Structure formats: structure tokens, C-alpha cells
C-alpha atoms as a PDB file:
ATOM      1  CA  UNK A   1      -0.006   0.078   0.053  1.00  0.00           C
ATOM      2  CA  UNK A   2       1.469   3.383  -1.040  1.00  0.00           C
ATOM      3  CA  UNK A   3       0.303   5.809   1.484  1.00  0.00           C
ATOM      4  CA  UNK A   4       2.112   9.068   3.119  1.00  0.00           C
ATOM      5  CA  UNK A   5       0.715   9.951   6.320  1.00  0.00           C
ATOM      6  CA  UNK A   6       1.593  12.703   8.974  1.00  0.00           C
ATOM      7  CA  UNK A   7       0.628  12.011  12.627  1.00  0.00           C
ATOM      8  CA  UNK A   8       2.922  12.798  15.166  1.00  0.00           C
ATOM      9  CA  UNK A   9       2.640   9.729  17.757  1.00  0.00           C
ATOM     10  CA  UNK A  10       2.782   7.134  14.911  1.00  0.00           C
ATOM     11  CA  UNK A  11       6.600   7.649  14.064  1.00  0.00           C
ATOM     12  CA  UNK A  12       7.459   4.036  13.323  1.00  0.00           C
ATOM     13  CA  UNK A  13       4.358   3.189  11.126  1.00  0.00           C
ATOM     14  CA  UNK A  14       4.325   6.439   9.338  1.00  0.00           C
ATOM     15  CA  UNK A  15       8.150   6.625   8.785  1.00  0.00           C
ATOM     16  CA  UNK A  16       8.008   3.066   7.233  1.00  0.00           C
ATOM     17  CA  UNK A  17       5.067   4.077   4.840  1.00  0.00           C
ATOM     18  CA  UNK A  18       7.355   7.268   3.779  1.00  0.00           C
ATOM     19  CA  UNK A  19      10.199   5.255   2.723  1.00  0.00           C
ATOM     20  CA  UNK A  20       7.784   2.879   0.953  1.00  0.00           C
ATOM     21  CA  UNK A  21       6.520   5.811  -1.082  1.00  0.00           C
ATOM     22  CA  UNK A  22      10.067   7.105  -1.735  1.00  0.00           C
ATOM     23  CA  UNK A  23      11.489   3.953  -3.297  1.00  0.00           C
ATOM     24  CA  UNK A  24       8.386   2.418  -4.899  1.00  0.00           C
ATOM     25  CA  UNK A  25       6.568   5.676  -6.538  1.00  0.00           C
ATOM     26  CA  UNK A  26       4.907   3.676  -9.447  1.00  0.00           C
ATOM     27  CA  UNK A  27       3.334   0.753  -7.789  1.00  0.00           C
ATOM     28  CA  UNK A  28      -0.277   2.419  -6.827  1.00  0.00           C
ATOM     29  CA  UNK A  29      -0.106   3.339 -10.678  1.00  0.00           C
ATOM     30  CA  UNK A  30       0.425  -0.100 -12.048  1.00  0.00           C
ATOM     31  CA  UNK A  31      -2.181  -1.827 -10.033  1.00  0.00           C
ATOM     32  CA  UNK A  32      -5.168  -3.201 -11.606  1.00  0.00           C
ATOM     33  CA  UNK A  33      -8.154  -1.210 -11.391  1.00  0.00           C
ATOM     34  CA  UNK A  34      -9.996  -3.642  -9.374  1.00  0.00           C
ATOM     35  CA  UNK A  35      -7.563  -3.296  -6.645  1.00  0.00           C
ATOM     36  CA  UNK A  36      -7.250   0.344  -6.248  1.00  0.00           C
ATOM     37  CA  UNK A  37     -10.755   1.112  -4.621  1.00  0.00           C
ATOM     38  CA  UNK A  38     -10.080  -1.390  -1.847  1.00  0.00           C
ATOM     39  CA  UNK A  39      -6.643  -0.352  -1.223  1.00  0.00           C
ATOM     40  CA  UNK A  40      -7.905   3.516  -1.093  1.00  0.00           C
ATOM     41  CA  UNK A  41     -10.485   2.293   1.252  1.00  0.00           C
ATOM     42  CA  UNK A  42      -8.174   0.484   3.441  1.00  0.00           C
ATOM     43  CA  UNK A  43      -5.726   3.355   3.687  1.00  0.00           C
ATOM     44  CA  UNK A  44      -8.633   5.768   4.650  1.00  0.00           C
ATOM     45  CA  UNK A  45     -10.222   3.454   7.213  1.00  0.00           C
ATOM     46  CA  UNK A  46      -6.558   2.652   8.736  1.00  0.00           C
ATOM     47  CA  UNK A  47      -5.990   6.312   9.195  1.00  0.00           C
ATOM     48  CA  UNK A  48      -9.575   6.875  10.510  1.00  0.00           C
ATOM     49  CA  UNK A  49      -9.192   4.050  13.240  1.00  0.00           C
ATOM     50  CA  UNK A  50      -5.783   5.096  14.215  1.00  0.00           C
ATOM     51  CA  UNK A  51      -6.991   8.844  14.640  1.00  0.00           C
ATOM     52  CA  UNK A  52      -8.342   9.826  17.950  1.00  0.00           C
ATOM     53  CA  UNK A  53     -11.722  11.404  18.358  1.00  0.00           C
ATOM     54  CA  UNK A  54     -10.226  14.669  19.146  1.00  0.00           C
ATOM     55  CA  UNK A  55      -8.040  14.311  15.695  1.00  0.00           C
ATOM     56  CA  UNK A  56     -10.686  13.394  13.281  1.00  0.00           C
ATOM     57  CA  UNK A  57      -9.689  15.323  10.222  1.00  0.00           C
ATOM     58  CA  UNK A  58      -7.964  13.611   7.515  1.00  0.00           C
ATOM     59  CA  UNK A  59      -6.875  14.856   4.185  1.00  0.00           C
ATOM     60  CA  UNK A  60      -6.867  12.254   1.107  1.00  0.00           C
ATOM     61  CA  UNK A  61      -5.289  12.965  -2.273  1.00  0.00           C
ATOM     62  CA  UNK A  62      -4.073  10.833  -5.090  1.00  0.00           C
ATOM     63  CA  UNK A  63      -1.203  12.341  -6.901  1.00  0.00           C
ATOM     64  CA  UNK A  64       1.140  10.952  -9.544  1.00  0.00           C
ATOM     65  CA  UNK A  65       0.064   7.361  -8.462  1.00  0.00           C
ATOM     66  CA  UNK A  66       0.599   7.950  -4.700  1.00  0.00           C
ATOM     67  CA  UNK A  67      -2.304   8.123  -2.134  1.00  0.00           C
ATOM     68  CA  UNK A  68      -1.604  10.591   0.288  1.00  0.00           C
ATOM     69  CA  UNK A  69      -3.578  10.534   3.534  1.00  0.00           C
ATOM     70  CA  UNK A  70      -2.763  13.337   6.131  1.00  0.00           C
ATOM     71  CA  UNK A  71      -4.119  13.966   9.515  1.00  0.00           C
ATOM     72  CA  UNK A  72      -4.751  17.600  10.480  1.00  0.00           C
ATOM     73  CA  UNK A  73      -4.934  18.442  14.039  1.00  0.00           C
ATOM     74  CA  UNK A  74      -7.766  20.498  15.166  1.00  0.00           C
ATOM     75  CA  UNK A  75      -7.178  23.823  16.760  1.00  0.00           C
ATOM     76  CA  UNK A  76      -6.552  23.565  20.559  1.00  0.00           C
ATOM     77  CA  UNK A  77     -10.023  24.102  22.450  1.00  0.00           C
ATOM     78  CA  UNK A  78     -10.458  27.731  23.525  1.00  0.00           C
ATOM     79  CA  UNK A  79     -10.756  26.589  27.234  1.00  0.00           C
ATOM     80  CA  UNK A  80      -7.312  24.889  27.277  1.00  0.00           C
ATOM     81  CA  UNK A  81      -5.262  28.210  27.147  1.00  0.00           C
ATOM     82  CA  UNK A  82      -6.008  31.472  28.970  1.00  0.00           C
ATOM     83  CA  UNK A  83      -6.962  34.396  26.542  1.00  0.00           C
ATOM     84  CA  UNK A  84      -4.282  36.571  25.626  1.00  0.00           C
ATOM     85  CA  UNK A  85      -4.234  40.402  26.505  1.00  0.00           C
ATOM     86  CA  UNK A  86      -5.607  41.315  23.029  1.00  0.00           C
ATOM     87  CA  UNK A  87      -8.229  38.824  23.050  1.00  0.00           C
ATOM     88  CA  UNK A  88      -9.462  39.930  26.510  1.00  0.00           C
ATOM     89  CA  UNK A  89      -9.497  43.687  25.213  1.00  0.00           C
ATOM     90  CA  UNK A  90     -11.539  42.425  22.370  1.00  0.00           C
ATOM     91  CA  UNK A  91     -14.539  41.938  24.652  1.00  0.00           C
ATOM     92  CA  UNK A  92     -17.654  41.241  22.857  1.00  0.00           C
ATOM     93  CA  UNK A  93     -16.556  42.685  19.815  1.00  0.00           C
ATOM     94  CA  UNK A  94     -14.139  39.600  19.011  1.00  0.00           C
ATOM     95  CA  UNK A  95     -11.538  42.245  18.117  1.00  0.00           C
ATOM     96  CA  UNK A  96      -9.992  45.395  19.204  1.00  0.00           C
ATOM     97  CA  UNK A  97     -10.224  46.674  15.451  1.00  0.00           C
ATOM     98  CA  UNK A  98     -13.587  44.947  14.721  1.00  0.00           C
ATOM     99  CA  UNK A  99     -14.963  48.368  12.967  1.00  0.00           C
ATOM    100  CA  UNK A 100     -11.790  48.585  10.743  1.00  0.00           C
ATOM    101  CA  UNK A 101     -12.103  44.769   9.861  1.00  0.00           C
ATOM    102  CA  UNK A 102     -15.809  44.989   9.297  1.00  0.00           C
ATOM    103  CA  UNK A 103     -15.181  47.989   6.746  1.00  0.00           C
ATOM    104  CA  UNK A 104     -12.264  46.284   4.962  1.00  0.00           C
ATOM    105  CA  UNK A 105     -14.185  43.161   4.508  1.00  0.00           C
ATOM    106  CA  UNK A 106     -17.054  44.977   3.356  1.00  0.00           C
ATOM    107  CA  UNK A 107     -15.223  46.775   0.651  1.00  0.00           C
ATOM    108  CA  UNK A 108     -13.437  43.492  -0.564  1.00  0.00           C
ATOM    109  CA  UNK A 109     -16.810  41.387  -0.134  1.00  0.00           C
ATOM    110  CA  UNK A 110     -15.135  39.062   2.325  1.00  0.00           C
ATOM    111  CA  UNK A 111     -16.887  37.800   5.630  1.00  0.00           C
ATOM    112  CA  UNK A 112     -15.288  39.901   8.648  1.00  0.00           C
ATOM    113  CA  UNK A 113     -14.978  36.702  10.506  1.00  0.00           C
ATOM    114  CA  UNK A 114     -12.319  35.308   8.043  1.00  0.00           C
ATOM    115  CA  UNK A 115     -10.334  38.526   8.101  1.00  0.00           C
ATOM    116  CA  UNK A 116     -10.530  38.741  11.902  1.00  0.00           C
ATOM    117  CA  UNK A 117      -9.436  34.943  12.081  1.00  0.00           C
ATOM    118  CA  UNK A 118      -6.339  35.632   9.920  1.00  0.00           C
ATOM    119  CA  UNK A 119      -5.391  38.378  12.086  1.00  0.00           C
ATOM    120  CA  UNK A 120      -5.907  36.403  15.365  1.00  0.00           C
ATOM    121  CA  UNK A 121      -3.630  33.532  14.065  1.00  0.00           C
ATOM    122  CA  UNK A 122      -1.213  35.725  12.272  1.00  0.00           C
ATOM    123  CA  UNK A 123      -0.348  38.364  15.099  1.00  0.00           C
ATOM    124  CA  UNK A 124      -2.907  37.870  17.826  1.00  0.00           C
ATOM    125  CA  UNK A 125      -3.807  41.507  17.295  1.00  0.00           C
ATOM    126  CA  UNK A 126      -0.441  42.895  17.925  1.00  0.00           C
ATOM    127  CA  UNK A 127       0.021  45.846  15.343  1.00  0.00           C
ATOM    128  CA  UNK A 128       3.878  45.795  16.127  1.00  0.00           C
ATOM    129  CA  UNK A 129       4.460  42.034  15.417  1.00  0.00           C
ATOM    130  CA  UNK A 130       7.403  41.082  13.410  1.00  0.00           C
ATOM    131  CA  UNK A 131       8.045  37.532  12.388  1.00  0.00           C
ATOM    132  CA  UNK A 132      11.489  35.905  12.201  1.00  0.00           C
ATOM    133  CA  UNK A 133      11.144  36.144   8.405  1.00  0.00           C
ATOM    134  CA  UNK A 134      10.272  39.716   8.320  1.00  0.00           C
ATOM    135  CA  UNK A 135       6.618  39.762   7.995  1.00  0.00           C
ATOM    136  CA  UNK A 136       5.030  42.574   9.748  1.00  0.00           C
ATOM    137  CA  UNK A 137       2.072  43.893  11.404  1.00  0.00           C
ATOM    138  CA  UNK A 138      -1.587  42.753  12.101  1.00  0.00           C
ATOM    139  CA  UNK A 139      -1.835  40.612   9.242  1.00  0.00           C
ATOM    140  CA  UNK A 140       2.014  39.866   8.685  1.00  0.00           C
ATOM    141  CA  UNK A 141       2.541  41.392   5.282  1.00  0.00           C
ATOM    142  CA  UNK A 142       6.071  40.707   3.942  1.00  0.00           C
ATOM    143  CA  UNK A 143       7.738  44.091   2.835  1.00  0.00           C
ATOM    144  CA  UNK A 144       7.366  42.974  -1.104  1.00  0.00           C
ATOM    145  CA  UNK A 145       3.789  42.272  -0.572  1.00  0.00           C
ATOM    146  CA  UNK A 146       3.001  45.200   1.165  1.00  0.00           C
ATOM    147  CA  UNK A 147       4.620  47.365  -1.500  1.00  0.00           C
ATOM    148  CA  UNK A 148       2.510  45.712  -4.383  1.00  0.00           C
ATOM    149  CA  UNK A 149      -0.536  46.286  -2.161  1.00  0.00           C
ATOM    150  CA  UNK A 150       0.389  50.003  -1.647  1.00  0.00           C
ATOM    151  CA  UNK A 151       0.952  49.628   1.914  1.00  0.00           C
ATOM    152  CA  UNK A 152       3.578  52.427   2.902  1.00  0.00           C
ATOM    153  CA  UNK A 153       3.689  51.565   6.731  1.00  0.00           C
ATOM    154  CA  UNK A 154       2.929  47.853   7.600  1.00  0.00           C
ATOM    155  CA  UNK A 155       2.782  48.777  11.319  1.00  0.00           C
ATOM    156  CA  UNK A 156      -0.100  51.068  10.657  1.00  0.00           C
ATOM    157  CA  UNK A 157      -3.286  49.569  11.559  1.00  0.00           C
ATOM    158  CA  UNK A 158      -5.603  50.718   8.950  1.00  0.00           C
ATOM    159  CA  UNK A 159      -3.010  50.375   6.143  1.00  0.00           C
ATOM    160  CA  UNK A 160      -2.283  46.723   7.378  1.00  0.00           C
ATOM    161  CA  UNK A 161      -5.895  45.804   7.613  1.00  0.00           C
ATOM    162  CA  UNK A 162      -6.621  47.190   4.261  1.00  0.00           C
ATOM    163  CA  UNK A 163      -3.727  45.681   2.582  1.00  0.00           C
ATOM    164  CA  UNK A 164      -3.871  42.248   4.117  1.00  0.00           C
ATOM    165  CA  UNK A 165      -7.712  42.012   3.507  1.00  0.00           C
ATOM    166  CA  UNK A 166      -7.184  43.052  -0.327  1.00  0.00           C
ATOM    167  CA  UNK A 167      -4.256  40.396  -0.210  1.00  0.00           C
ATOM    168  CA  UNK A 168      -6.730  37.771   0.995  1.00  0.00           C
ATOM    169  CA  UNK A 169      -9.381  38.683  -1.410  1.00  0.00           C
ATOM    170  CA  UNK A 170      -7.109  38.291  -4.214  1.00  0.00           C
ATOM    171  CA  UNK A 171      -6.132  34.918  -3.096  1.00  0.00           C
ATOM    172  CA  UNK A 172      -9.686  33.788  -2.711  1.00  0.00           C
ATOM    173  CA  UNK A 173     -10.503  35.127  -6.250  1.00  0.00           C
ATOM    174  CA  UNK A 174      -7.515  33.137  -7.570  1.00  0.00           C
ATOM    175  CA  UNK A 175      -8.716  29.980  -5.988  1.00  0.00           C
ATOM    176  CA  UNK A 176     -12.402  30.505  -6.892  1.00  0.00           C
ATOM    177  CA  UNK A 177     -13.699  30.816  -3.212  1.00  0.00           C
ATOM    178  CA  UNK A 178     -11.701  27.970  -1.778  1.00  0.00           C
ATOM    179  CA  UNK A 179     -10.813  29.249   1.464  1.00  0.00           C
ATOM    180  CA  UNK A 180      -8.695  26.320   2.396  1.00  0.00           C
ATOM    181  CA  UNK A 181      -6.385  26.964  -0.648  1.00  0.00           C
ATOM    182  CA  UNK A 182      -6.666  30.845  -0.134  1.00  0.00           C
ATOM    183  CA  UNK A 183      -5.413  30.268   3.441  1.00  0.00           C
ATOM    184  CA  UNK A 184      -2.651  27.896   2.405  1.00  0.00           C
ATOM    185  CA  UNK A 185      -1.254  30.458  -0.182  1.00  0.00           C
ATOM    186  CA  UNK A 186      -1.509  33.386   2.374  1.00  0.00           C
ATOM    187  CA  UNK A 187       0.960  31.471   4.686  1.00  0.00           C
ATOM    188  CA  UNK A 188       3.066  29.459   2.354  1.00  0.00           C
ATOM    189  CA  UNK A 189       2.643  31.336  -0.945  1.00  0.00           C
ATOM    190  CA  UNK A 190       0.806  30.482  -4.132  1.00  0.00           C
ATOM    191  CA  UNK A 191       3.775  29.042  -5.353  1.00  0.00           C
ATOM    192  CA  UNK A 192       4.018  26.527  -2.992  1.00  0.00           C
ATOM    193  CA  UNK A 193       0.167  25.755  -3.366  1.00  0.00           C
ATOM    194  CA  UNK A 194       0.775  25.321  -7.260  1.00  0.00           C
ATOM    195  CA  UNK A 195       3.765  23.202  -6.756  1.00  0.00           C
ATOM    196  CA  UNK A 196       2.010  20.582  -4.544  1.00  0.00           C
ATOM    197  CA  UNK A 197      -1.283  21.036  -6.359  1.00  0.00           C
ATOM    198  CA  UNK A 198      -3.015  21.679  -3.164  1.00  0.00           C
ATOM    199  CA  UNK A 199      -2.228  22.492   0.330  1.00  0.00           C
ATOM    200  CA  UNK A 200       1.575  22.155   0.866  1.00  0.00           C
ATOM    201  CA  UNK A 201       2.726  19.433   3.341  1.00  0.00           C
ATOM    202  CA  UNK A 202       4.470  21.883   5.577  1.00  0.00           C
ATOM    203  CA  UNK A 203       3.739  21.389   9.430  1.00  0.00           C
ATOM    204  CA  UNK A 204       3.365  25.098  10.037  1.00  0.00           C
ATOM    205  CA  UNK A 205       0.910  25.565   6.964  1.00  0.00           C
ATOM    206  CA  UNK A 206      -1.134  22.519   8.079  1.00  0.00           C
ATOM    207  CA  UNK A 207      -1.397  23.754  11.475  1.00  0.00           C
ATOM    208  CA  UNK A 208      -2.040  27.341  10.408  1.00  0.00           C
ATOM    209  CA  UNK A 209      -4.978  26.307   7.907  1.00  0.00           C
ATOM    210  CA  UNK A 210      -6.525  23.826  10.454  1.00  0.00           C
ATOM    211  CA  UNK A 211      -6.638  26.632  13.311  1.00  0.00           C
ATOM    212  CA  UNK A 212      -8.211  29.165  11.152  1.00  0.00           C
ATOM    213  CA  UNK A 213     -10.741  26.897   9.827  1.00  0.00           C
ATOM    214  CA  UNK A 214     -11.657  25.844  13.528  1.00  0.00           C
ATOM    215  CA  UNK A 215     -12.129  29.721  14.467  1.00  0.00           C
ATOM    216  CA  UNK A 216     -14.375  29.868  11.441  1.00  0.00           C
ATOM    217  CA  UNK A 217     -16.555  26.869  12.417  1.00  0.00           C
ATOM    218  CA  UNK A 218     -16.809  28.188  15.797  1.00  0.00           C
ATOM    219  CA  UNK A 219     -17.970  31.689  14.239  1.00  0.00           C
ATOM    220  CA  UNK A 220     -20.580  29.523  11.996  1.00  0.00           C
ATOM    221  CA  UNK A 221     -19.381  30.670   8.857  1.00  0.00           C
ATOM    222  CA  UNK A 222     -17.461  27.803   7.161  1.00  0.00           C
ATOM    223  CA  UNK A 223     -20.579  25.410   7.132  1.00  0.00           C
ATOM    224  CA  UNK A 224     -22.510  27.918   5.119  1.00  0.00           C
ATOM    225  CA  UNK A 225     -19.437  28.701   2.808  1.00  0.00           C
ATOM    226  CA  UNK A 226     -18.649  25.022   2.124  1.00  0.00           C
ATOM    227  CA  UNK A 227     -22.538  24.520   1.252  1.00  0.00           C
ATOM    228  CA  UNK A 228     -22.117  27.498  -1.418  1.00  0.00           C
ATOM    229  CA  UNK A 229     -18.863  26.071  -2.560  1.00  0.00           C
ATOM    230  CA  UNK A 230     -20.509  22.727  -3.263  1.00  0.00           C
ATOM    231  CA  UNK A 231     -23.309  24.271  -5.083  1.00  0.00           C
ATOM    232  CA  UNK A 232     -20.772  26.229  -7.312  1.00  0.00           C
ATOM    233  CA  UNK A 233     -18.797  23.201  -8.002  1.00  0.00           C
ATOM    234  CA  UNK A 234     -21.602  21.230  -9.167  1.00  0.00           C
ATOM    235  CA  UNK A 235     -22.147  23.598 -12.029  1.00  0.00           C
ATOM    236  CA  UNK A 236     -18.493  24.932 -12.451  1.00  0.00           C
ATOM    237  CA  UNK A 237     -16.086  21.998 -11.598  1.00  0.00           C
ATOM    238  CA  UNK A 238     -12.575  23.087 -10.038  1.00  0.00           C
ATOM    239  CA  UNK A 239      -9.537  21.444 -11.667  1.00  0.00           C
ATOM    240  CA  UNK A 240      -8.773  18.063  -9.902  1.00  0.00           C
ATOM    241  CA  UNK A 241      -6.343  18.711  -7.272  1.00  0.00           C
ATOM    242  CA  UNK A 242      -6.796  22.556  -6.818  1.00  0.00           C
ATOM    243  CA  UNK A 243      -9.747  22.292  -4.681  1.00  0.00           C
ATOM    244  CA  UNK A 244     -10.444  19.935  -1.339  1.00  0.00           C
ATOM    245  CA  UNK A 245     -13.990  18.234  -0.750  1.00  0.00           C
ATOM    246  CA  UNK A 246     -15.196  17.720   2.434  1.00  0.00           C
ATOM    247  CA  UNK A 247     -16.848  14.358   3.364  1.00  0.00           C
ATOM    248  CA  UNK A 248     -18.362  12.899   6.497  1.00  0.00           C
ATOM    249  CA  UNK A 249     -18.575   9.365   7.475  1.00  0.00           C
ATOM    250  CA  UNK A 250     -21.818   8.123   9.126  1.00  0.00           C
ATOM    251  CA  UNK A 251     -19.951   7.895  12.476  1.00  0.00           C
ATOM    252  CA  UNK A 252     -18.668  11.408  12.255  1.00  0.00           C
ATOM    253  CA  UNK A 253     -15.424  10.945  10.807  1.00  0.00           C
ATOM    254  CA  UNK A 254     -14.469  14.055   8.476  1.00  0.00           C
ATOM    255  CA  UNK A 255     -12.095  13.218   5.364  1.00  0.00           C
ATOM    256  CA  UNK A 256     -11.083  16.019   2.855  1.00  0.00           C
ATOM    257  CA  UNK A 257     -10.314  14.684  -0.427  1.00  0.00           C
ATOM    258  CA  UNK A 258      -9.170  16.284  -3.721  1.00  0.00           C
ATOM    259  CA  UNK A 259     -11.665  14.072  -5.563  1.00  0.00           C
ATOM    260  CA  UNK A 260     -15.350  15.194  -6.191  1.00  0.00           C
ATOM    261  CA  UNK A 261     -17.988  12.987  -5.026  1.00  0.00           C
ATOM    262  CA  UNK A 262     -18.728  11.200  -8.010  1.00  0.00           C
ATOM    263  CA  UNK A 263     -14.819  10.449  -8.745  1.00  0.00           C
ATOM    264  CA  UNK A 264     -14.636   8.560  -5.132  1.00  0.00           C
ATOM    265  CA  UNK A 265     -14.339   4.885  -5.402  1.00  0.00           C
ATOM    266  CA  UNK A 266     -17.238   2.785  -4.588  1.00  0.00           C
ATOM    267  CA  UNK A 267     -15.410   1.232  -1.556  1.00  0.00           C
ATOM    268  CA  UNK A 268     -14.792   4.804  -0.229  1.00  0.00           C
ATOM    269  CA  UNK A 269     -18.447   5.812  -0.842  1.00  0.00           C
ATOM    270  CA  UNK A 270     -19.634   2.892   1.180  1.00  0.00           C
ATOM    271  CA  UNK A 271     -17.458   3.952   4.070  1.00  0.00           C
ATOM    272  CA  UNK A 272     -18.878   7.348   4.016  1.00  0.00           C
ATOM    273  CA  UNK A 273     -22.302   5.931   4.097  1.00  0.00           C
ATOM    274  CA  UNK A 274     -21.988   2.859   6.390  1.00  0.00           C
ATOM    275  CA  UNK A 275     -21.252   3.274   9.987  1.00  0.00           C
ATOM    276  CA  UNK A 276     -18.291   1.239  11.092  1.00  0.00           C
END
């Protein structure tokens, strides 16, 4: 079975599979079609059974004859860490800059919850934040990106929010409304998303996307967005490998795949429909 998986507490099992992928990259492609569905189902079920209930999100992708199954850890529960000063200052508004965020989001036709969640993860609302790589301000704009966006002072709250929101809007347009890919590109760059044909296998990017998606779910926004995305893809399919589709098994296991529902194997569809 050719599977590459990322799961921190399964180092021996995962390492063996990773080496197998590196040395035998063509076996999956050469298998008879009759065997592929069962292998895909076996891989998905194996990872599902290994995952704990608190880590029930998987990303499954077939690329270049290799089936990739990644476990994406969810963001930590809010109750597990004390609120940071900036979060406490936000109070009921959710952000100390809620009005600036709302206006910038409105001008760029984005949900304010999306912009606010990006700021929370990027800088935790610290306007003077500077990353080790040189990204600056609330939305952590790199100097080159800031110049392209017309941001003269990345530490200026209004300029940073306006520029960062415009950058996020450009990425949402580039990926045709796919929030997962837009967030991955915001963190790792559009070149990395293009290179890997989806969310890059970088630990930082995987955790970044998972945390923001978790914040959006708590805000009640992602469910509606995913429903709209599904309706859109039914009439205008996204190129395979460029979008992620969300599926849920009968017992609540969540799986992301680069394949639309009609392209999933019979075995995988049965796994999604039948309780284990």
C-alpha cells in the first residue's frame, strides 16, 4: 500500500510508509483497477481508526500514482489556554479593531470573521508584530507584498488591515472561493500551493489552515461557505487537485479529498455511508 501520512505519535508506522513511497513511487499506478478501490478504502479506514476522536480530520489525495492521507490536527480548544491580553481587550466585539475589519471586509466582499481569524492567528492583534522572516503588522505582510498592495507603513493598523484584506481577497478570487487553498497560499505562498497541487505538506501551513478553519467553524461561517462552494462546483467543477472536498462518514469521521464525490471509489463511498 502506498500511503504517505503525517501523524506525530505514529512515527514508526508513518516512517515506514514514507520510505516505501520514496522507493516505490509507481506501484499504485500499475495496480489493476479492481484493486485500487479496496486499497484506497483500506488506507482511509486505517488512518480513521488510528486517529483519536479529537483528531478526526483527514486529508486524502491521489497524486502521481501515490495516495496521500494526512491527519490535520484541529486547533486547541479555547478553554485549554488563557485568553491573551489582546483577546481579552476585544471583549464582545471579538477584536479590538472590529470596525476597521468590518469596513475592509465589506469593501472586499469578504466575511469579517475570515479577516479577523487571519489576524488572530497571524499576530494575535499585535500591530507591531514582526516574524522571523520579516512579515510585519496585524496581517503579517512581507515587505514586497506590502509594496505591491500600496501599504506604505505595515505597522499602521488601518493600512495593514486594508492591504492584508485586499491580499486575502485576491487569493480567494485566484482559488475561486476555496478558503482552504486561499489560506494555504496566504501562509506558504501561491507558488507552494501550485507546486503541490493543493495544501503544501508543511507542518506550519497545515496547522495554520486547521486553526483558522476551526475559528471559522466556531463563528458558524464555514458551514455556509462550504455549502455554497459545493453548489458552485456542481455547475463549474474546479480542476482536480486544486480544491478540497469535505466528506463525513456515518459515524462522524471527517475526510477531505481532492476528488469530487462522483470520482470517489465505490468502496470509499460505502465507507462514508455505512457506520463502522
